[in-house]
Amino acid sequence: MPIADWKNARQSWPLPTRPRPVCLIGAGGIVRQAHLPAYRRAGFPVEGICDLQRERAGALARDFGIPRVAADAAALVADAPPDAVFDLALPAGAHLGALELLPDGAAVLLQKPMGEDLDGARAIRDLCRAKGLTAAVNHQLRFAPYCLFARELIEAGAIGELQTLEARVTVATPWHLWDFLHGAPRLELQYHSIHYVDLIRSFLGEPRRVSCMTRKHAGAPELASVRTRAMFDYGDFLSVGFEANHCHTFGPRHQESYLLWEGTRGAIKATMGVNLNYPVGEPDSLEFCLLPSGGGQPEWRPVELAGSWFPDAFAGTMANLQRFAAGEDDALWTRVDDAYRTMAVVEACYRASAEGGTAIPE
């Protein structure tokens, strides 16, 4: 890739020629912070919304100009336009019930994770197949501007043969913002680091095996595990994995949130600002480095980002779904069958953590 082309590397997904109306089932914080701002920027019309807390749906309708607040999901589906795309922004355990309400053949985007465990993911996959749904899971990190940029450089061979792909998150996450996670048997890996599992798979395919430890914290004993370390086996020349510690409550100085790709001829590093000072967040950033062909000191180059993970990547998953449904995209990038494989890797991580590793020989 010539140096003059780097500034033109893709950072966003193309929009559908004719955006379809969106019907939202669920009106939680992620809808206010990401779904609706992204759809507004991208020009996706939101036709209706519902939530178990109707006043919450009503507040979003007022703030974002949504014309209809339905009494419940069944009413929303019954009155939806025939070409509606359903956006299920729900806890994992509520997906199946909502999917059963949708008309056969509908287009639907499900919030991650795809079920509460692998059995739940399998049931969702099978129901989507039985109803003929055009269904995708909202693994939107793939569509973050810095991930699209990194993918284009790597596929063009700019950094050589990939050697390292890692994510590192050391932050203080306010878990109290998500009531439904209190008492949940699975937390950090299932609801947060699944982003990194899915992103790794999107770059490298299926790992041979995994090593993982996911653990609780004495500062929040009522929560399931909130810290995870995992490594994935992709052969002798690839170091791949992630570390996430959500309990670094010692101020921002040493907090971290980044993705790193290292190749034989260069490297790319992105700061995921949304994890820092959540939910306010910090700016995303991106830089890359190429080894000089004639030797000398490598130089890191900053890249101006055209958007951020939150909220802009949420437009990417919806755009891909709508374009695929219209025949404008050849592939549905986060289709439920692919998301099921991400859930299988997550399940393997939990099993590896439960098995506890190899004992030291006497």
Foldseek 3Di string as FASTA:
>chain_A
DDPVCLLVQFQAADFDPDAAEEEEEDQAPCCVFAVLVQCVVVVHHHAEYEYPPQVSRVVVCVVRVHDYYDDHLLRSQVPDPPQYEYEYPDPQQCVVVSLVSHAQAHHYEYEDDNHLALVSLVVNVVSCVVSVYLYFYPLLVCNGRQNSSVVRCVVVCVQHAWQEKEKEWAEADPVVSDVVQQVRQDDALRRPVLSVLLSVCLRQNDFPAKAKAFAPDPVCVRGGGQWMWMWTHPDDRHTYTYTHHNHNPPDDPPTATKIKIHHPFKIKMKGQQCRYPPPVTDDIWIWMWGADPVHDDIDIDTHDRPDGSGHNSSSRLSRLSVCVVVVNDPDNSRGSVSSSSSSVNSNSNVVNNVVPDDDDDD
